[in-house]
Amino acid sequence: MRESLLGWQQYRYLRWALLALVASIALYLTQGGAHAIQPPNGGTWQGYVLGTAGALLILWLSALGVRKRSYSSTMGTVQGWASAHVYLGTLLLVVATLHCALQFGFNVHTLAYVLMCLVIVSGFYGLYAYLHLPGQLSTLESGTDQQGRLDELARLDTRIRDTSQRCDANLQSLMTSALELTSVGGSAWQQLRARDRSRVAVPGSGGEQGKVVANEGQQLVIRHLATRIPDAHKQSEAELLNELLALFGRRQVVLQQLRREVQLRGLLKIWLYFHIPLTIGLLVALLVHIVAVFIYW
């Protein structure tokens, strides 16, 4: 992934972007000389050239989504387009800044600039995500995938239910509630945080329903089982508690892996929910910006 995006064909588009960067700065510096009629701004001929280049870059960069879905297209490879998208998208930030000469206000022109910056920043996060997170996800999934973990979790839950049938009523109730009140997933924000919101109902002294407390990482149940083992009166009871402890220990690991996998997949996708709508907003603001310039300038 790193090679296909950043180093595609020996950094071809990095070289293109650097050449265009030097040309843009040189063009900008031709403004505002001793005999210049006006200082650098978007209304000079240099500003118009930079603005036109920026608008064309925005339109081309927006076409990546179309190219990714054009499987029969002969207009270059997706890897090449993605590499150019990264470098030319970064170049756009400089070109647009030179175009406006850092002249901002409360108007649609500044709005277009702000939206462009937000699109680029979200793209930077997307680049980071696609360069780093797939490797972590691949390492996490080595040996099994999400469905495999879900199947293992179901098997563990079945074994815990069967094993707890041989326990006293209080312990059986604790085991059952720990299974039923386990939380995985949730809202988008909860998935991204990967926070364990599992709970467990602790039975009262007389067997009545106790209060529901946090059971993050299955820690409360694991501690309860661990503290009961030394007090076991029979060898069979100790073996039963050890078996439950081992099952919940493995369950803890599987749940942690599931939450981390859900989190990584969410982090890989969440930026698109900002990047794409911001891009659409940028295109609309850009159109208004261009129309306003031709009408009022």
Protein backbone atom coordinates (compact mmCIF):
# COMPACT_ATOMS: atom_id res chain seq x y z
CA MET A 1 0.00 0.00 0.00
CA ARG A 2 2.78 2.42 0.95
CA GLU A 3 4.68 1.69 -2.27
CA SER A 4 1.61 1.93 -4.52
CA LEU A 5 0.49 5.28 -3.09
CA LEU A 6 3.63 7.26 -2.31
CA GLY A 7 6.35 5.66 -4.37
CA TRP A 8 4.39 4.77 -7.49
CA GLN A 9 6.72 4.66 -10.51
CA GLN A 10 9.64 6.11 -8.59
CA TYR A 11 7.67 8.99 -7.10
CA ARG A 12 6.49 10.30 -10.46
CA TYR A 13 3.73 12.51 -9.08
CA LEU A 14 5.87 13.82 -6.25
CA ARG A 15 8.24 15.17 -8.90
CA TRP A 16 5.33 16.62 -10.87
CA ALA A 17 3.94 18.26 -7.76
CA LEU A 18 7.31 19.77 -6.82
CA LEU A 19 7.75 21.22 -10.32
CA ALA A 20 4.24 22.67 -10.23
CA LEU A 21 4.93 24.05 -6.76
CA VAL A 22 8.04 25.89 -7.91
CA ALA A 23 6.20 27.24 -10.97
CA SER A 24 3.27 28.43 -8.81
CA ILE A 25 5.53 30.24 -6.36
CA ALA A 26 7.50 31.83 -9.20
CA LEU A 27 4.27 33.02 -10.83
CA TYR A 28 3.01 34.43 -7.54
CA LEU A 29 6.26 36.36 -6.97
CA THR A 30 5.82 38.21 -10.27
CA GLN A 31 3.02 40.18 -8.61
CA GLY A 32 3.34 43.28 -6.46
CA GLY A 33 6.52 44.71 -7.95
CA ALA A 34 7.53 48.37 -7.82
CA HIS A 35 5.46 49.18 -10.91
CA ALA A 36 2.53 46.91 -10.09
CA ILE A 37 -0.93 48.43 -10.26
CA GLN A 38 -2.23 46.31 -7.40
CA PRO A 39 -0.77 43.98 -4.76
CA PRO A 40 -0.95 40.20 -5.08
CA ASN A 41 -4.55 38.97 -5.07
CA GLY A 42 -6.90 36.70 -6.92
CA GLY A 43 -7.88 39.45 -9.35
CA THR A 44 -4.53 39.81 -11.13
CA TRP A 45 -3.80 37.79 -14.20
CA GLN A 46 -1.43 35.68 -12.11
CA GLY A 47 -4.21 35.20 -9.57
CA TYR A 48 -6.57 34.10 -12.32
CA VAL A 49 -4.02 31.59 -13.61
CA LEU A 50 -3.49 30.16 -10.14
CA GLY A 51 -7.22 30.13 -9.49
CA THR A 52 -7.90 28.32 -12.76
CA ALA A 53 -5.21 25.77 -11.96
CA GLY A 54 -6.71 25.28 -8.50
CA ALA A 55 -10.24 24.83 -9.86
CA LEU A 56 -9.04 22.28 -12.41
CA LEU A 57 -7.15 20.42 -9.68
CA ILE A 58 -10.29 20.28 -7.54
CA LEU A 59 -12.34 18.89 -10.42
CA TRP A 60 -9.70 16.32 -11.27
CA LEU A 61 -9.20 15.26 -7.66
CA SER A 62 -12.96 14.83 -7.28
CA ALA A 63 -12.94 12.39 -10.19
CA LEU A 64 -10.96 9.75 -8.26
CA GLY A 65 -14.13 8.19 -6.88
CA VAL A 66 -15.48 7.80 -10.41
CA ARG A 67 -12.21 6.31 -11.66
CA LYS A 68 -12.11 3.76 -8.82
CA ARG A 69 -15.47 2.42 -9.96
CA SER A 70 -14.64 2.42 -13.68
CA TYR A 71 -13.16 -1.06 -13.78
CA SER A 72 -12.83 -1.16 -17.58
CA SER A 73 -11.23 2.27 -17.87
CA THR A 74 -7.93 2.57 -19.71
CA MET A 75 -7.13 6.02 -18.28
CA GLY A 76 -4.27 4.90 -16.07
CA THR A 77 -4.26 2.58 -13.10
CA VAL A 78 -6.11 3.19 -9.85
CA GLN A 79 -2.75 3.09 -8.04
CA GLY A 80 -1.45 5.86 -10.27
CA TRP A 81 -4.55 7.96 -9.76
CA ALA A 82 -4.34 7.49 -6.00
CA SER A 83 -0.68 8.50 -5.96
CA ALA A 84 -1.41 11.62 -8.00
CA HIS A 85 -4.40 12.33 -5.75
CA VAL A 86 -2.13 12.48 -2.70
CA TYR A 87 0.57 14.72 -4.14
CA LEU A 88 -1.61 16.98 -6.27
CA GLY A 89 -4.11 17.29 -3.44
CA THR A 90 -1.30 18.56 -1.22
CA LEU A 91 -0.17 20.90 -4.00
CA LEU A 92 -3.71 22.30 -4.20
CA LEU A 93 -3.37 23.73 -0.69
CA VAL A 94 -0.41 25.85 -1.82
CA VAL A 95 -1.93 26.86 -5.16
CA ALA A 96 -5.21 28.00 -3.60
CA THR A 97 -3.39 29.92 -0.87
CA LEU A 98 -1.26 31.71 -3.46
CA HIS A 99 -4.37 32.40 -5.54
CA CYS A 100 -6.14 34.24 -2.73
CA ALA A 101 -2.89 35.76 -1.38
CA LEU A 102 -4.15 35.12 2.16
CA GLN A 103 -7.01 37.60 1.73
CA PHE A 104 -9.95 36.24 3.69
CA GLY A 105 -13.34 37.52 4.76
CA PHE A 106 -16.85 36.43 5.65
CA ASN A 107 -17.87 35.47 2.13
CA VAL A 108 -18.35 32.50 -0.17
CA HIS A 109 -14.78 32.79 -1.43
CA THR A 110 -13.34 32.15 2.02
CA LEU A 111 -15.95 29.45 2.57
CA ALA A 112 -14.66 27.62 -0.51
CA TYR A 113 -11.10 27.92 0.81
CA VAL A 114 -12.07 26.60 4.26
CA LEU A 115 -13.97 23.67 2.76
CA MET A 116 -10.97 22.88 0.57
CA CYS A 117 -8.70 22.84 3.65
CA LEU A 118 -11.10 20.53 5.49
CA VAL A 119 -11.22 18.17 2.51
CA ILE A 120 -7.42 18.07 2.34
CA VAL A 121 -7.03 17.53 6.09
CA SER A 122 -9.55 14.68 6.03
CA GLY A 123 -7.62 13.28 3.07
CA PHE A 124 -4.40 13.39 5.10
CA TYR A 125 -6.10 11.31 7.77
CA GLY A 126 -7.34 8.90 5.09
CA LEU A 127 -3.78 8.53 3.81
CA TYR A 128 -2.53 7.80 7.33
CA ALA A 129 -5.33 5.29 7.88
CA TYR A 130 -4.67 3.38 4.68
CA LEU A 131 -0.91 3.31 5.23
CA HIS A 132 -0.94 2.14 8.86
CA LEU A 133 -4.23 0.56 9.90
CA PRO A 134 -4.45 -2.33 7.37
CA GLY A 135 -1.19 -3.73 8.73
CA GLN A 136 -2.56 -3.67 12.27
CA LEU A 137 -5.78 -5.26 11.06
CA SER A 138 -3.88 -7.95 9.18
CA THR A 139 -1.80 -8.76 12.26
CA LEU A 140 -4.93 -8.93 14.39
CA GLU A 141 -6.67 -11.22 11.90
CA SER A 142 -3.72 -13.63 11.54
CA GLY A 143 -5.11 -17.10 12.03
CA THR A 144 -8.79 -16.12 12.16
CA ASP A 145 -11.23 -13.47 11.01
CA GLN A 146 -14.13 -11.64 12.61
CA GLN A 147 -16.61 -14.41 11.87
CA GLY A 148 -14.22 -16.95 13.35
CA ARG A 149 -14.03 -14.94 16.57
CA LEU A 150 -17.80 -14.62 16.72
CA ASP A 151 -18.12 -18.39 16.31
CA GLU A 152 -15.53 -18.96 19.05
CA LEU A 153 -17.36 -16.53 21.33
CA ALA A 154 -20.60 -18.43 20.79
CA ARG A 155 -18.87 -21.71 21.65
CA LEU A 156 -17.35 -20.21 24.80
CA ASP A 157 -20.73 -18.88 25.91
CA THR A 158 -22.30 -22.31 25.41
CA ARG A 159 -19.56 -24.00 27.45
CA ILE A 160 -19.87 -21.41 30.21
CA ARG A 161 -23.64 -21.90 30.40
CA ASP A 162 -23.26 -25.68 30.52
CA THR A 163 -20.46 -25.58 33.09
CA SER A 164 -22.21 -23.07 35.34
CA GLN A 165 -25.17 -25.48 35.61
CA ARG A 166 -23.06 -27.41 38.16
CA CYS A 167 -22.48 -24.30 40.30
CA ASP A 168 -24.55 -22.89 43.12
CA ALA A 169 -27.44 -20.57 42.28
CA ASN A 170 -25.59 -17.32 43.02
CA LEU A 171 -22.59 -18.20 40.88
CA GLN A 172 -24.79 -19.50 38.09
CA SER A 173 -26.76 -16.24 38.13
CA LEU A 174 -23.51 -14.24 38.01
CA MET A 175 -22.21 -16.24 35.04
CA THR A 176 -25.49 -15.94 33.13
CA SER A 177 -25.79 -12.18 33.65
CA ALA A 178 -22.17 -11.69 32.58
CA LEU A 179 -22.96 -13.39 29.28
CA GLU A 180 -26.24 -11.58 28.72
CA LEU A 181 -24.94 -8.12 29.61
CA THR A 182 -21.80 -8.29 27.48
CA SER A 183 -21.61 -5.39 25.06
CA VAL A 184 -19.82 -5.41 21.70
CA GLY A 185 -20.20 -2.75 19.02
CA GLY A 186 -22.85 -0.12 19.64
CA SER A 187 -23.06 3.30 18.03
CA ALA A 188 -20.42 4.57 15.62
CA TRP A 189 -18.79 6.61 18.39
CA GLN A 190 -18.75 3.61 20.74
CA GLN A 191 -17.19 1.42 18.05
CA LEU A 192 -14.45 3.96 17.40
CA ARG A 193 -13.66 4.25 21.12
CA ALA A 194 -13.66 0.44 21.52
CA ARG A 195 -14.75 0.93 25.10
CA ASP A 196 -16.10 -2.11 26.90
CA ARG A 197 -19.53 -1.27 28.36
CA SER A 198 -20.24 -4.79 29.59
CA ARG A 199 -22.05 -5.17 32.92
CA VAL A 200 -23.00 -7.93 35.32
CA ALA A 201 -25.78 -8.35 37.89
CA VAL A 202 -24.26 -9.25 41.25
CA PRO A 203 -26.71 -11.46 43.24
CA GLY A 204 -27.74 -10.32 46.69
CA SER A 205 -26.93 -12.19 49.88
CA GLY A 206 -30.24 -14.06 49.94
CA GLY A 207 -30.20 -14.95 46.26
CA GLU A 208 -32.36 -11.96 45.39
CA GLN A 209 -31.58 -9.76 42.41
CA GLY A 210 -28.53 -7.63 43.12
CA LYS A 211 -27.30 -4.45 41.57
CA VAL A 212 -25.90 -4.21 38.04
CA VAL A 213 -22.28 -3.07 37.97
CA ALA A 214 -19.59 -2.54 35.36
CA ASN A 215 -17.78 -5.63 34.12
CA GLU A 216 -15.22 -4.03 31.81
CA GLY A 217 -12.88 -6.62 30.35
CA GLN A 218 -14.83 -9.32 32.23
CA GLN A 219 -12.63 -8.32 35.17
CA LEU A 220 -15.26 -8.47 37.90
CA VAL A 221 -16.26 -12.04 37.04
CA ILE A 222 -12.64 -13.13 36.63
CA ARG A 223 -11.68 -11.67 40.02
CA HIS A 224 -14.71 -13.28 41.64
CA LEU A 225 -13.77 -16.72 40.29
CA ALA A 226 -10.10 -16.28 41.20
CA THR A 227 -10.92 -15.37 44.83
CA ARG A 228 -13.26 -18.35 45.24
CA ILE A 229 -10.78 -20.99 44.12
CA PRO A 230 -8.66 -20.98 47.33
CA ASP A 231 -11.84 -21.33 49.43
CA ALA A 232 -13.15 -24.35 47.52
CA HIS A 233 -14.03 -27.22 49.87
CA LYS A 234 -13.77 -29.97 47.27
CA GLN A 235 -11.35 -30.80 44.51
CA SER A 236 -14.22 -31.00 42.05
CA GLU A 237 -15.38 -27.51 43.03
CA ALA A 238 -11.88 -26.09 42.51
CA GLU A 239 -11.64 -27.78 39.11
CA LEU A 240 -15.02 -26.36 38.13
CA LEU A 241 -13.99 -22.83 39.15
CA ASN A 242 -10.68 -23.20 37.31
CA GLU A 243 -12.50 -24.29 34.18
CA LEU A 244 -14.81 -21.28 34.35
CA LEU A 245 -11.84 -19.00 35.00
CA ALA A 246 -10.06 -20.35 31.91
CA LEU A 247 -13.20 -19.93 29.79
CA PHE A 248 -13.74 -16.34 30.91
CA GLY A 249 -10.04 -15.59 30.41
CA ARG A 250 -10.28 -16.73 26.81
CA ARG A 251 -13.58 -14.90 26.43
CA GLN A 252 -11.88 -11.72 27.60
CA VAL A 253 -9.22 -12.06 24.89
CA VAL A 254 -11.76 -12.78 22.12
CA LEU A 255 -13.89 -9.80 23.12
CA GLN A 256 -10.87 -7.49 23.16
CA GLN A 257 -9.89 -8.67 19.69
CA LEU A 258 -13.43 -8.19 18.38
CA ARG A 259 -13.63 -4.64 19.73
CA ARG A 260 -10.21 -3.74 18.34
CA GLU A 261 -11.12 -5.16 14.92
CA VAL A 262 -14.40 -3.22 14.87
CA GLN A 263 -12.48 -0.09 15.90
CA LEU A 264 -9.84 -0.49 13.16
CA ARG A 265 -12.46 -1.07 10.48
CA GLY A 266 -14.34 1.99 11.67
CA LEU A 267 -11.20 4.13 11.64
CA LEU A 268 -10.54 3.00 8.07
CA LYS A 269 -13.96 4.19 6.91
CA ILE A 270 -15.07 7.03 9.15
CA TRP A 271 -13.04 9.70 7.36
CA LEU A 272 -15.01 9.09 4.15
CA TYR A 273 -18.19 10.23 5.93
CA PHE A 274 -16.50 13.62 6.22
CA HIS A 275 -14.34 13.64 3.09
CA ILE A 276 -17.09 12.98 0.54
CA PRO A 277 -19.76 15.41 1.88
CA LEU A 278 -17.08 18.09 2.31
CA THR A 279 -15.97 17.51 -1.28
CA ILE A 280 -19.54 17.96 -2.53
CA GLY A 281 -19.85 21.16 -0.49
CA LEU A 282 -16.53 22.35 -1.89
CA LEU A 283 -17.70 21.81 -5.48
CA VAL A 284 -20.87 23.81 -4.81
CA ALA A 285 -18.94 26.63 -3.12
CA LEU A 286 -16.40 26.60 -5.94
CA LEU A 287 -19.14 27.02 -8.53
CA VAL A 288 -20.64 29.93 -6.59
CA HIS A 289 -17.18 31.44 -6.20
CA ILE A 290 -16.49 31.28 -9.95
CA VAL A 291 -19.91 32.68 -10.90
CA ALA A 292 -19.56 35.51 -8.38
CA VAL A 293 -16.10 36.39 -9.69
CA PHE A 294 -17.29 36.64 -13.29
CA ILE A 295 -20.35 38.68 -12.33
CA TYR A 296 -18.81 41.15 -9.87
CA TRP A 297 -15.17 41.40 -10.98
